Amino acid sequence: MSGRHRAKTVVRLEEARQSTPTQRAPTPPVEPDPLYGVVLLKTVMELKRRQDGTVEDILRGVLARMRIPEAEFFAYLEQQGGLLQALGMRGR
C-alpha cells in the first residue's frame, strides 16, 4: 500500500417523519376553469374603474354576472395562495 488511506464516512439517514394530524387536510385540487382568468381580469378592470366597494364585493358581482359558482372560484383561489394575497383577501 502506498500509505494513502481514505477514511470511510458513515452517514446516517433520518427516516421520513409522518405529518402531524393537527395540520389541515389539503383540499382536493380544483380543476381551473378557463374563465377564472377572465374573472380576475374583469375584477381588476372593475377595480380600476370604480373606487367604491371592496375587492370581495366587486369580485362577487363579476362572478354573478358571469354565472360562475362562488364556492368553486374561491376554492380555486384558496389553492392559489398568492392570488388571495394579491387581491388583499388573506383572512377569508
N, C-alpha and C. Protein backbone atom coordinates (compact mmCIF):
# COMPACT_ATOMS: atom_id res chain seq x y z
N MET A 1 0.82 -1.18 0.00
CA MET A 1 0.00 0.00 0.00
C MET A 1 0.87 1.24 0.00
N SER A 2 0.32 2.27 -0.52
CA SER A 2 1.11 3.49 -0.69
C SER A 2 1.05 4.41 0.52
N GLY A 3 0.34 4.10 1.52
CA GLY A 3 0.26 4.95 2.69
C GLY A 3 -0.89 5.94 2.64
N ARG A 4 -1.58 5.96 1.54
CA ARG A 4 -2.73 6.87 1.43
C ARG A 4 -4.01 6.07 1.61
N HIS A 5 -4.59 6.23 2.72
CA HIS A 5 -5.85 5.56 3.00
C HIS A 5 -6.92 6.61 3.25
N ARG A 6 -8.06 6.41 2.69
CA ARG A 6 -9.16 7.34 2.90
C ARG A 6 -10.01 6.84 4.05
N ALA A 7 -10.40 7.76 4.87
CA ALA A 7 -11.30 7.41 5.96
C ALA A 7 -12.70 7.20 5.38
N LYS A 8 -13.36 6.21 5.90
CA LYS A 8 -14.71 5.95 5.43
C LYS A 8 -15.68 6.83 6.19
N THR A 9 -16.55 7.45 5.46
CA THR A 9 -17.55 8.32 6.08
C THR A 9 -18.86 7.56 6.18
N VAL A 10 -19.42 7.56 7.37
CA VAL A 10 -20.69 6.90 7.59
C VAL A 10 -21.75 7.98 7.76
N VAL A 11 -22.78 7.90 6.96
CA VAL A 11 -23.87 8.88 7.01
C VAL A 11 -25.12 8.17 7.47
N ARG A 12 -25.73 8.70 8.50
CA ARG A 12 -26.98 8.12 8.97
C ARG A 12 -28.13 8.94 8.42
N LEU A 13 -29.05 8.28 7.79
CA LEU A 13 -30.21 8.94 7.22
C LEU A 13 -31.36 8.90 8.20
N GLU A 14 -32.05 10.02 8.30
CA GLU A 14 -33.22 10.06 9.17
C GLU A 14 -34.41 9.50 8.41
N GLU A 15 -35.25 8.79 9.13
CA GLU A 15 -36.46 8.27 8.50
C GLU A 15 -37.43 9.42 8.28
N ALA A 16 -38.21 9.33 7.22
CA ALA A 16 -39.21 10.36 6.94
C ALA A 16 -40.24 10.36 8.05
N ARG A 17 -40.53 11.55 8.54
CA ARG A 17 -41.50 11.67 9.62
C ARG A 17 -42.89 11.84 9.04
N GLN A 18 -43.84 11.27 9.72
CA GLN A 18 -45.23 11.42 9.29
C GLN A 18 -45.71 12.81 9.67
N SER A 19 -46.57 13.39 8.84
CA SER A 19 -47.10 14.71 9.15
C SER A 19 -48.00 14.62 10.37
N THR A 20 -48.03 15.69 11.11
CA THR A 20 -48.85 15.69 12.32
C THR A 20 -50.32 15.84 11.95
N PRO A 21 -51.20 15.21 12.72
CA PRO A 21 -52.62 15.28 12.39
C PRO A 21 -53.24 16.64 12.68
N THR A 22 -52.50 17.56 13.31
CA THR A 22 -53.07 18.87 13.61
C THR A 22 -53.11 19.77 12.38
N GLN A 23 -52.40 19.41 11.32
CA GLN A 23 -52.42 20.22 10.11
C GLN A 23 -53.73 20.02 9.37
N ARG A 24 -54.15 21.07 8.66
CA ARG A 24 -55.37 20.96 7.86
C ARG A 24 -55.15 20.00 6.72
N ALA A 25 -56.16 19.22 6.44
CA ALA A 25 -56.07 18.31 5.30
C ALA A 25 -56.11 19.14 4.03
N PRO A 26 -55.22 18.86 3.08
CA PRO A 26 -55.22 19.65 1.85
C PRO A 26 -56.52 19.44 1.08
N THR A 27 -56.99 20.53 0.52
CA THR A 27 -58.21 20.43 -0.26
C THR A 27 -57.90 19.74 -1.57
N PRO A 28 -58.83 18.97 -2.08
CA PRO A 28 -58.58 18.31 -3.36
C PRO A 28 -58.40 19.37 -4.44
N PRO A 29 -57.52 19.12 -5.38
CA PRO A 29 -57.27 20.14 -6.42
C PRO A 29 -58.52 20.43 -7.22
N VAL A 30 -58.76 21.72 -7.41
CA VAL A 30 -59.89 22.16 -8.21
C VAL A 30 -59.40 22.37 -9.63
N GLU A 31 -60.09 21.78 -10.57
CA GLU A 31 -59.72 21.94 -11.98
C GLU A 31 -60.02 23.38 -12.37
N PRO A 32 -59.00 24.14 -12.75
CA PRO A 32 -59.25 25.55 -13.07
C PRO A 32 -60.07 25.69 -14.35
N ASP A 33 -61.12 26.44 -14.24
CA ASP A 33 -61.97 26.75 -15.38
C ASP A 33 -61.23 27.81 -16.21
N PRO A 34 -61.23 27.70 -17.52
CA PRO A 34 -60.55 28.72 -18.33
C PRO A 34 -61.10 30.13 -18.10
N LEU A 35 -62.32 30.23 -17.59
CA LEU A 35 -62.90 31.55 -17.36
C LEU A 35 -62.40 32.20 -16.07
N TYR A 36 -61.69 31.46 -15.22
CA TYR A 36 -61.20 32.03 -13.98
C TYR A 36 -60.24 33.19 -14.25
N GLY A 37 -59.42 33.05 -15.25
CA GLY A 37 -58.52 34.15 -15.62
C GLY A 37 -59.29 35.36 -16.09
N VAL A 38 -60.39 35.12 -16.81
CA VAL A 38 -61.23 36.22 -17.29
C VAL A 38 -61.89 36.92 -16.10
N VAL A 39 -62.30 36.13 -15.11
CA VAL A 39 -62.90 36.71 -13.90
C VAL A 39 -61.91 37.64 -13.22
N LEU A 40 -60.68 37.18 -13.08
CA LEU A 40 -59.66 38.01 -12.44
C LEU A 40 -59.39 39.28 -13.24
N LEU A 41 -59.32 39.15 -14.56
CA LEU A 41 -59.08 40.32 -15.41
C LEU A 41 -60.22 41.32 -15.30
N LYS A 42 -61.46 40.83 -15.35
CA LYS A 42 -62.61 41.74 -15.24
C LYS A 42 -62.66 42.40 -13.87
N THR A 43 -62.27 41.65 -12.84
CA THR A 43 -62.27 42.21 -11.49
C THR A 43 -61.25 43.35 -11.39
N VAL A 44 -60.08 43.13 -11.93
CA VAL A 44 -59.05 44.17 -11.89
C VAL A 44 -59.49 45.39 -12.69
N MET A 45 -60.09 45.17 -13.85
CA MET A 45 -60.57 46.30 -14.65
C MET A 45 -61.66 47.08 -13.91
N GLU A 46 -62.53 46.35 -13.24
CA GLU A 46 -63.60 46.97 -12.47
C GLU A 46 -63.03 47.76 -11.29
N LEU A 47 -62.02 47.19 -10.63
CA LEU A 47 -61.38 47.89 -9.52
C LEU A 47 -60.73 49.19 -9.98
N LYS A 48 -60.17 49.17 -11.16
CA LYS A 48 -59.52 50.36 -11.70
C LYS A 48 -60.55 51.44 -12.03
N ARG A 49 -61.69 50.99 -12.53
CA ARG A 49 -62.73 51.92 -12.97
C ARG A 49 -63.50 52.50 -11.79
N ARG A 50 -63.85 51.63 -10.83
CA ARG A 50 -64.65 52.05 -9.67
C ARG A 50 -63.77 52.15 -8.45
N GLN A 51 -63.96 53.17 -7.68
CA GLN A 51 -63.20 53.32 -6.44
C GLN A 51 -64.04 52.92 -5.23
N ASP A 52 -65.35 52.78 -5.41
CA ASP A 52 -66.21 52.39 -4.29
C ASP A 52 -66.35 50.88 -4.24
N GLY A 53 -66.62 50.35 -3.07
CA GLY A 53 -66.80 48.91 -2.91
C GLY A 53 -65.50 48.21 -2.58
N THR A 54 -65.63 47.06 -1.94
CA THR A 54 -64.44 46.27 -1.58
C THR A 54 -64.09 45.32 -2.73
N VAL A 55 -62.92 44.76 -2.64
CA VAL A 55 -62.47 43.81 -3.66
C VAL A 55 -63.43 42.62 -3.70
N GLU A 56 -63.82 42.15 -2.52
CA GLU A 56 -64.69 40.98 -2.46
C GLU A 56 -66.07 41.27 -3.06
N ASP A 57 -66.60 42.46 -2.81
CA ASP A 57 -67.91 42.83 -3.38
C ASP A 57 -67.85 42.87 -4.90
N ILE A 58 -66.81 43.49 -5.42
CA ILE A 58 -66.66 43.60 -6.87
C ILE A 58 -66.46 42.22 -7.47
N LEU A 59 -65.66 41.38 -6.83
CA LEU A 59 -65.42 40.02 -7.32
C LEU A 59 -66.72 39.22 -7.33
N ARG A 60 -67.51 39.35 -6.28
CA ARG A 60 -68.79 38.63 -6.24
C ARG A 60 -69.72 39.11 -7.36
N GLY A 61 -69.71 40.40 -7.65
CA GLY A 61 -70.52 40.93 -8.74
C GLY A 61 -70.10 40.37 -10.08
N VAL A 62 -68.80 40.30 -10.31
CA VAL A 62 -68.29 39.75 -11.58
C VAL A 62 -68.67 38.28 -11.69
N LEU A 63 -68.53 37.53 -10.60
CA LEU A 63 -68.89 36.11 -10.62
C LEU A 63 -70.38 35.93 -10.90
N ALA A 64 -71.21 36.79 -10.33
CA ALA A 64 -72.66 36.68 -10.56
C ALA A 64 -72.99 36.98 -12.02
N ARG A 65 -72.37 38.02 -12.59
CA ARG A 65 -72.65 38.36 -13.99
C ARG A 65 -72.19 37.26 -14.94
N MET A 66 -71.09 36.59 -14.60
CA MET A 66 -70.56 35.54 -15.47
C MET A 66 -71.16 34.17 -15.15
N ARG A 67 -72.01 34.11 -14.12
CA ARG A 67 -72.67 32.87 -13.71
C ARG A 67 -71.68 31.76 -13.36
N ILE A 68 -70.68 32.13 -12.58
CA ILE A 68 -69.69 31.18 -12.10
C ILE A 68 -69.93 30.99 -10.60
N PRO A 69 -70.03 29.73 -10.14
CA PRO A 69 -70.28 29.48 -8.72
C PRO A 69 -69.17 30.05 -7.83
N GLU A 70 -69.58 30.82 -6.83
CA GLU A 70 -68.60 31.45 -5.94
C GLU A 70 -67.76 30.42 -5.19
N ALA A 71 -68.41 29.37 -4.71
CA ALA A 71 -67.70 28.37 -3.90
C ALA A 71 -66.55 27.74 -4.70
N GLU A 72 -66.80 27.41 -5.94
CA GLU A 72 -65.75 26.79 -6.77
C GLU A 72 -64.62 27.77 -7.04
N PHE A 73 -64.98 29.02 -7.32
CA PHE A 73 -63.95 30.01 -7.62
C PHE A 73 -63.10 30.30 -6.39
N PHE A 74 -63.75 30.42 -5.22
CA PHE A 74 -62.99 30.70 -4.01
C PHE A 74 -62.14 29.49 -3.61
N ALA A 75 -62.59 28.27 -3.91
CA ALA A 75 -61.76 27.09 -3.66
C ALA A 75 -60.51 27.14 -4.54
N TYR A 76 -60.68 27.59 -5.78
CA TYR A 76 -59.54 27.75 -6.68
C TYR A 76 -58.58 28.81 -6.12
N LEU A 77 -59.12 29.92 -5.63
CA LEU A 77 -58.27 30.97 -5.07
C LEU A 77 -57.54 30.50 -3.83
N GLU A 78 -58.17 29.65 -3.04
CA GLU A 78 -57.52 29.10 -1.85
C GLU A 78 -56.26 28.33 -2.24
N GLN A 79 -56.33 27.59 -3.34
CA GLN A 79 -55.17 26.83 -3.80
C GLN A 79 -54.08 27.75 -4.30
N GLN A 80 -54.48 28.85 -4.86
CA GLN A 80 -53.53 29.82 -5.39
C GLN A 80 -53.32 30.90 -4.34
N GLY A 81 -52.64 30.58 -3.27
CA GLY A 81 -52.48 31.49 -2.14
C GLY A 81 -51.96 32.86 -2.52
N GLY A 82 -51.09 32.93 -3.50
CA GLY A 82 -50.56 34.22 -3.93
C GLY A 82 -51.63 35.12 -4.51
N LEU A 83 -52.62 34.53 -5.15
CA LEU A 83 -53.71 35.34 -5.71
C LEU A 83 -54.55 35.96 -4.61
N LEU A 84 -54.79 35.21 -3.54
CA LEU A 84 -55.55 35.76 -2.42
C LEU A 84 -54.82 36.94 -1.81
N GLN A 85 -53.52 36.82 -1.66
CA GLN A 85 -52.74 37.92 -1.09
C GLN A 85 -52.72 39.11 -2.03
N ALA A 86 -52.61 38.86 -3.32
CA ALA A 86 -52.57 39.95 -4.30
C ALA A 86 -53.90 40.71 -4.30
N LEU A 87 -54.99 39.99 -4.08
CA LEU A 87 -56.29 40.65 -4.05
C LEU A 87 -56.61 41.23 -2.68
N GLY A 88 -55.75 40.99 -1.71
CA GLY A 88 -55.98 41.52 -0.37
C GLY A 88 -57.05 40.77 0.38
N MET A 89 -57.19 39.46 0.12
CA MET A 89 -58.24 38.67 0.74
C MET A 89 -57.64 37.55 1.57
N ARG A 90 -56.56 37.80 2.29
CA ARG A 90 -55.87 36.76 3.06
C ARG A 90 -56.74 36.16 4.14
N GLY A 91 -57.44 36.97 4.87
CA GLY A 91 -58.17 36.49 6.03
C GLY A 91 -59.55 35.96 5.73
N ARG A 92 -59.78 35.45 4.59
CA ARG A 92 -61.09 34.93 4.19
C ARG A 92 -61.44 33.68 4.89
